[in-house]
Amino acid sequence: MNRMAVAILVLLLCRTAYAQLPQGPARYWNPTGLAGQTHNPDNERLAQSYLMGVFDITQDSGKSCALRAPVPTAELNQIFSDYLKSHPKLLNAGRSAAGVAAQAFIEHWPCQK
């Protein structure tokens, strides 16, 4: 009986936690869209999370080698923004923001070979 009560309690807690997660469609941004969202108070945190995810993937894949210390989201925003300023052709809507951000991080923190 106790195991059943615990199982039901865990199920209810998980369901409640899941319901509190923001629901909605997956985000696809082109570079221009993401750059604009990093300064939009309504989506700024979402855009920062997007850049943090790209940063994490480039680090874990060994493509980018930043120091293993926390990198502030403001720094990630600045690196992405600076990269777009120096590569304006990448602003075209046919590119994904994730691909451009990854390239920015790879070039900013190259791995030693």
N, C-alpha and C. Protein backbone atom coordinates (compact mmCIF):
# COMPACT_ATOMS: atom_id res chain seq x y z
N MET A 1 0.83 -1.20 0.00
CA MET A 1 0.00 0.00 0.00
C MET A 1 0.87 1.26 0.00
N ASN A 2 1.95 1.25 0.80
CA ASN A 2 2.82 2.41 0.85
C ASN A 2 3.50 2.66 -0.50
N ARG A 3 3.90 1.59 -1.18
CA ARG A 3 4.54 1.75 -2.49
C ARG A 3 3.56 2.37 -3.50
N MET A 4 2.31 1.97 -3.42
CA MET A 4 1.29 2.52 -4.32
C MET A 4 1.09 4.00 -4.03
N ALA A 5 1.04 4.37 -2.79
CA ALA A 5 0.86 5.78 -2.42
C ALA A 5 2.04 6.62 -2.89
N VAL A 6 3.24 6.10 -2.71
CA VAL A 6 4.45 6.81 -3.16
C VAL A 6 4.45 6.95 -4.69
N ALA A 7 4.09 5.89 -5.39
CA ALA A 7 4.05 5.93 -6.85
C ALA A 7 3.04 6.97 -7.34
N ILE A 8 1.89 7.03 -6.72
CA ILE A 8 0.87 8.01 -7.11
C ILE A 8 1.36 9.42 -6.80
N LEU A 9 1.99 9.61 -5.66
CA LEU A 9 2.52 10.92 -5.29
C LEU A 9 3.58 11.38 -6.29
N VAL A 10 4.49 10.49 -6.66
CA VAL A 10 5.54 10.82 -7.63
C VAL A 10 4.91 11.18 -8.98
N LEU A 11 3.94 10.41 -9.40
CA LEU A 11 3.25 10.68 -10.66
C LEU A 11 2.59 12.05 -10.64
N LEU A 12 1.92 12.38 -9.56
CA LEU A 12 1.26 13.68 -9.45
C LEU A 12 2.26 14.82 -9.43
N LEU A 13 3.37 14.64 -8.73
CA LEU A 13 4.40 15.68 -8.69
C LEU A 13 5.02 15.90 -10.06
N CYS A 14 5.30 14.82 -10.77
CA CYS A 14 5.88 14.93 -12.11
C CYS A 14 4.91 15.61 -13.07
N ARG A 15 3.66 15.25 -12.96
CA ARG A 15 2.64 15.85 -13.83
C ARG A 15 2.52 17.35 -13.55
N THR A 16 2.54 17.73 -12.27
CA THR A 16 2.45 19.14 -11.90
C THR A 16 3.67 19.90 -12.40
N ALA A 17 4.86 19.33 -12.24
CA ALA A 17 6.09 19.98 -12.70
C ALA A 17 6.07 20.15 -14.21
N TYR A 18 5.64 19.14 -14.94
CA TYR A 18 5.57 19.22 -16.40
C TYR A 18 4.59 20.30 -16.84
N ALA A 19 3.48 20.41 -16.15
CA ALA A 19 2.46 21.40 -16.51
C ALA A 19 2.98 22.82 -16.33
N GLN A 20 3.97 23.02 -15.45
CA GLN A 20 4.50 24.35 -15.20
C GLN A 20 5.58 24.75 -16.21
N LEU A 21 6.07 23.80 -17.00
CA LEU A 21 7.04 24.14 -18.03
C LEU A 21 6.36 24.93 -19.13
N PRO A 22 7.09 25.91 -19.71
CA PRO A 22 6.47 26.66 -20.79
C PRO A 22 6.15 25.73 -21.96
N GLN A 23 4.94 25.76 -22.42
CA GLN A 23 4.52 24.91 -23.52
C GLN A 23 4.43 25.76 -24.78
N GLY A 24 4.65 25.17 -25.89
CA GLY A 24 4.54 25.90 -27.14
C GLY A 24 5.39 25.23 -28.19
N PRO A 25 5.38 25.79 -29.37
CA PRO A 25 6.14 25.18 -30.47
C PRO A 25 7.63 25.37 -30.27
N ALA A 26 8.40 24.52 -30.90
CA ALA A 26 9.85 24.67 -30.88
C ALA A 26 10.20 25.96 -31.60
N ARG A 27 11.32 26.53 -31.23
CA ARG A 27 11.74 27.80 -31.84
C ARG A 27 12.73 27.55 -32.95
N TYR A 28 12.52 28.20 -34.07
CA TYR A 28 13.51 28.24 -35.14
C TYR A 28 13.72 29.71 -35.43
N TRP A 29 14.95 30.15 -35.27
CA TRP A 29 15.25 31.53 -35.56
C TRP A 29 16.31 31.61 -36.63
N ASN A 30 16.17 32.60 -37.49
CA ASN A 30 17.26 32.92 -38.38
C ASN A 30 18.14 33.92 -37.62
N PRO A 31 19.33 34.25 -38.11
CA PRO A 31 20.23 35.13 -37.36
C PRO A 31 19.61 36.49 -37.03
N THR A 32 18.90 37.08 -37.98
CA THR A 32 18.28 38.38 -37.73
C THR A 32 17.24 38.29 -36.63
N GLY A 33 16.42 37.25 -36.67
CA GLY A 33 15.38 37.07 -35.66
C GLY A 33 15.95 36.88 -34.27
N LEU A 34 16.98 36.07 -34.15
CA LEU A 34 17.58 35.84 -32.83
C LEU A 34 18.25 37.11 -32.32
N ALA A 35 18.96 37.82 -33.19
CA ALA A 35 19.61 39.06 -32.77
C ALA A 35 18.58 40.04 -32.23
N GLY A 36 17.43 40.13 -32.88
CA GLY A 36 16.37 41.02 -32.41
C GLY A 36 15.77 40.58 -31.08
N GLN A 37 15.68 39.27 -30.87
CA GLN A 37 15.07 38.76 -29.65
C GLN A 37 15.98 38.92 -28.43
N THR A 38 17.29 39.04 -28.64
CA THR A 38 18.19 39.20 -27.49
C THR A 38 17.98 40.55 -26.82
N HIS A 39 17.27 41.47 -27.48
CA HIS A 39 16.99 42.79 -26.90
C HIS A 39 15.50 43.01 -26.68
N ASN A 40 14.70 41.97 -26.86
CA ASN A 40 13.25 42.05 -26.67
C ASN A 40 12.92 41.52 -25.28
N PRO A 41 12.42 42.37 -24.38
CA PRO A 41 12.15 41.91 -23.01
C PRO A 41 11.23 40.69 -22.93
N ASP A 42 10.33 40.53 -23.90
CA ASP A 42 9.41 39.40 -23.87
C ASP A 42 10.10 38.07 -24.18
N ASN A 43 11.13 38.09 -24.98
CA ASN A 43 11.80 36.85 -25.40
C ASN A 43 13.30 36.81 -25.10
N GLU A 44 13.78 37.80 -24.36
CA GLU A 44 15.22 37.88 -24.09
C GLU A 44 15.75 36.62 -23.40
N ARG A 45 15.05 36.13 -22.39
CA ARG A 45 15.52 34.93 -21.68
C ARG A 45 15.51 33.71 -22.58
N LEU A 46 14.50 33.60 -23.42
CA LEU A 46 14.43 32.48 -24.36
C LEU A 46 15.59 32.54 -25.35
N ALA A 47 15.89 33.73 -25.85
CA ALA A 47 17.01 33.91 -26.78
C ALA A 47 18.33 33.59 -26.09
N GLN A 48 18.48 34.00 -24.85
CA GLN A 48 19.70 33.70 -24.10
C GLN A 48 19.85 32.19 -23.89
N SER A 49 18.74 31.54 -23.59
CA SER A 49 18.77 30.08 -23.41
C SER A 49 19.16 29.40 -24.72
N TYR A 50 18.68 29.92 -25.82
CA TYR A 50 19.00 29.39 -27.15
C TYR A 50 20.52 29.47 -27.37
N LEU A 51 21.11 30.64 -27.09
CA LEU A 51 22.55 30.80 -27.26
C LEU A 51 23.34 29.92 -26.30
N MET A 52 22.84 29.77 -25.07
CA MET A 52 23.52 28.90 -24.11
C MET A 52 23.51 27.46 -24.59
N GLY A 53 22.40 27.03 -25.18
CA GLY A 53 22.32 25.67 -25.72
C GLY A 53 23.32 25.46 -26.85
N VAL A 54 23.42 26.44 -27.74
CA VAL A 54 24.40 26.34 -28.84
C VAL A 54 25.81 26.30 -28.26
N PHE A 55 26.08 27.16 -27.28
CA PHE A 55 27.38 27.19 -26.63
C PHE A 55 27.71 25.82 -26.03
N ASP A 56 26.77 25.25 -25.31
CA ASP A 56 26.99 23.94 -24.69
C ASP A 56 27.30 22.86 -25.73
N ILE A 57 26.56 22.87 -26.82
CA ILE A 57 26.78 21.87 -27.85
C ILE A 57 28.16 22.02 -28.49
N THR A 58 28.56 23.27 -28.76
CA THR A 58 29.89 23.45 -29.36
C THR A 58 30.99 23.03 -28.40
N GLN A 59 30.76 23.23 -27.11
CA GLN A 59 31.76 22.81 -26.12
C GLN A 59 31.82 21.28 -26.02
N ASP A 60 30.66 20.66 -25.89
CA ASP A 60 30.61 19.21 -25.72
C ASP A 60 31.08 18.46 -26.96
N SER A 61 30.92 19.06 -28.12
CA SER A 61 31.35 18.38 -29.34
C SER A 61 32.84 18.56 -29.62
N GLY A 62 33.49 19.43 -28.84
CA GLY A 62 34.91 19.67 -29.05
C GLY A 62 35.20 20.61 -30.19
N LYS A 63 34.18 21.26 -30.71
CA LYS A 63 34.36 22.21 -31.81
C LYS A 63 34.83 23.57 -31.31
N SER A 64 34.44 23.92 -30.09
CA SER A 64 34.80 25.18 -29.47
C SER A 64 35.37 24.87 -28.10
N CYS A 65 36.39 25.59 -27.70
CA CYS A 65 37.08 25.26 -26.45
C CYS A 65 37.23 26.47 -25.55
N ALA A 66 36.15 26.96 -25.02
CA ALA A 66 36.20 28.04 -24.04
C ALA A 66 36.75 27.45 -22.74
N LEU A 67 37.24 28.31 -21.90
CA LEU A 67 37.65 27.83 -20.58
C LEU A 67 36.45 27.21 -19.91
N ARG A 68 36.67 26.17 -19.15
CA ARG A 68 35.56 25.48 -18.48
C ARG A 68 35.12 26.28 -17.26
N ALA A 69 34.59 27.44 -17.52
CA ALA A 69 34.06 28.30 -16.48
C ALA A 69 32.76 28.90 -17.00
N PRO A 70 31.91 29.34 -16.12
CA PRO A 70 30.67 29.94 -16.61
C PRO A 70 30.95 31.13 -17.53
N VAL A 71 30.25 31.17 -18.63
CA VAL A 71 30.34 32.29 -19.56
C VAL A 71 29.02 33.05 -19.44
N PRO A 72 29.08 34.31 -19.08
CA PRO A 72 27.84 35.08 -18.93
C PRO A 72 27.06 35.15 -20.25
N THR A 73 25.74 35.12 -20.14
CA THR A 73 24.92 35.20 -21.34
C THR A 73 25.16 36.51 -22.08
N ALA A 74 25.48 37.58 -21.37
CA ALA A 74 25.76 38.85 -22.05
C ALA A 74 26.98 38.70 -22.97
N GLU A 75 27.95 37.91 -22.56
CA GLU A 75 29.12 37.68 -23.40
C GLU A 75 28.75 36.86 -24.64
N LEU A 76 27.90 35.85 -24.47
CA LEU A 76 27.45 35.07 -25.63
C LEU A 76 26.68 35.96 -26.61
N ASN A 77 25.81 36.83 -26.07
CA ASN A 77 25.07 37.76 -26.92
C ASN A 77 26.03 38.66 -27.70
N GLN A 78 27.05 39.17 -27.00
CA GLN A 78 28.00 40.09 -27.64
C GLN A 78 28.81 39.39 -28.72
N ILE A 79 29.25 38.17 -28.46
CA ILE A 79 30.01 37.42 -29.45
C ILE A 79 29.16 37.17 -30.69
N PHE A 80 27.91 36.77 -30.48
CA PHE A 80 26.99 36.53 -31.60
C PHE A 80 26.75 37.82 -32.37
N SER A 81 26.48 38.91 -31.67
CA SER A 81 26.22 40.20 -32.30
C SER A 81 27.43 40.69 -33.08
N ASP A 82 28.61 40.61 -32.47
CA ASP A 82 29.84 41.05 -33.15
C ASP A 82 30.11 40.21 -34.40
N TYR A 83 29.83 38.91 -34.31
CA TYR A 83 30.05 38.03 -35.45
C TYR A 83 29.13 38.43 -36.61
N LEU A 84 27.87 38.74 -36.30
CA LEU A 84 26.95 39.17 -37.34
C LEU A 84 27.38 40.49 -37.97
N LYS A 85 27.91 41.41 -37.16
CA LYS A 85 28.38 42.69 -37.69
C LYS A 85 29.56 42.49 -38.63
N SER A 86 30.43 41.54 -38.31
CA SER A 86 31.60 41.33 -39.16
C SER A 86 31.32 40.39 -40.33
N HIS A 87 30.16 39.72 -40.33
CA HIS A 87 29.75 38.82 -41.42
C HIS A 87 28.30 39.12 -41.81
N PRO A 88 28.03 40.31 -42.35
CA PRO A 88 26.64 40.70 -42.62
C PRO A 88 25.91 39.80 -43.62
N LYS A 89 26.64 39.07 -44.44
CA LYS A 89 25.98 38.17 -45.40
C LYS A 89 25.25 37.03 -44.69
N LEU A 90 25.63 36.76 -43.45
CA LEU A 90 25.00 35.66 -42.70
C LEU A 90 23.63 36.03 -42.16
N LEU A 91 23.23 37.25 -42.35
CA LEU A 91 21.91 37.68 -41.87
C LEU A 91 20.77 37.18 -42.74
N ASN A 92 21.08 36.53 -43.86
CA ASN A 92 19.99 36.10 -44.74
C ASN A 92 19.12 35.06 -44.05
N ALA A 93 17.86 35.08 -44.35
CA ALA A 93 16.87 34.25 -43.66
C ALA A 93 17.02 32.76 -43.93
N GLY A 94 17.83 32.38 -44.89
CA GLY A 94 18.00 30.97 -45.20
C GLY A 94 18.95 30.25 -44.25
N ARG A 95 19.56 30.96 -43.36
CA ARG A 95 20.50 30.36 -42.40
C ARG A 95 19.83 30.19 -41.04
N SER A 96 20.27 29.19 -40.30
CA SER A 96 19.75 29.05 -38.94
C SER A 96 20.61 29.86 -37.98
N ALA A 97 19.97 30.43 -36.99
CA ALA A 97 20.70 31.19 -35.98
C ALA A 97 21.65 30.27 -35.22
N ALA A 98 21.24 29.02 -35.00
CA ALA A 98 22.09 28.08 -34.26
C ALA A 98 23.40 27.83 -35.00
N GLY A 99 23.32 27.66 -36.32
CA GLY A 99 24.53 27.42 -37.10
C GLY A 99 25.47 28.60 -37.08
N VAL A 100 24.91 29.80 -37.18
CA VAL A 100 25.74 31.01 -37.17
C VAL A 100 26.34 31.22 -35.78
N ALA A 101 25.54 31.03 -34.74
CA ALA A 101 26.05 31.19 -33.37
C ALA A 101 27.14 30.17 -33.10
N ALA A 102 26.96 28.94 -33.56
CA ALA A 102 27.99 27.91 -33.37
C ALA A 102 29.29 28.33 -34.03
N GLN A 103 29.19 28.84 -35.25
CA GLN A 103 30.40 29.28 -35.95
C GLN A 103 31.07 30.43 -35.21
N ALA A 104 30.27 31.34 -34.66
CA ALA A 104 30.82 32.46 -33.89
C ALA A 104 31.58 31.96 -32.67
N PHE A 105 31.01 30.99 -31.96
CA PHE A 105 31.67 30.47 -30.77
C PHE A 105 32.92 29.66 -31.13
N ILE A 106 32.85 28.91 -32.23
CA ILE A 106 34.00 28.12 -32.67
C ILE A 106 35.16 29.04 -33.02
N GLU A 107 34.88 30.13 -33.71
CA GLU A 107 35.93 31.07 -34.08
C GLU A 107 36.43 31.87 -32.88
N HIS A 108 35.53 32.16 -31.94
CA HIS A 108 35.93 32.96 -30.75
C HIS A 108 36.78 32.13 -29.79
N TRP A 109 36.44 30.84 -29.63
CA TRP A 109 37.17 29.96 -28.73
C TRP A 109 37.69 28.75 -29.52
N PRO A 110 38.67 28.95 -30.39
CA PRO A 110 39.16 27.81 -31.17
C PRO A 110 39.86 26.79 -30.26
N CYS A 111 39.79 25.54 -30.66
CA CYS A 111 40.47 24.48 -29.92
C CYS A 111 41.91 24.39 -30.42
N GLN A 112 42.82 24.13 -29.51
CA GLN A 112 44.23 23.95 -29.87
C GLN A 112 44.41 22.57 -30.46
N LYS A 113 45.16 22.46 -31.52
CA LYS A 113 45.41 21.15 -32.12
C LYS A 113 46.87 20.82 -32.04
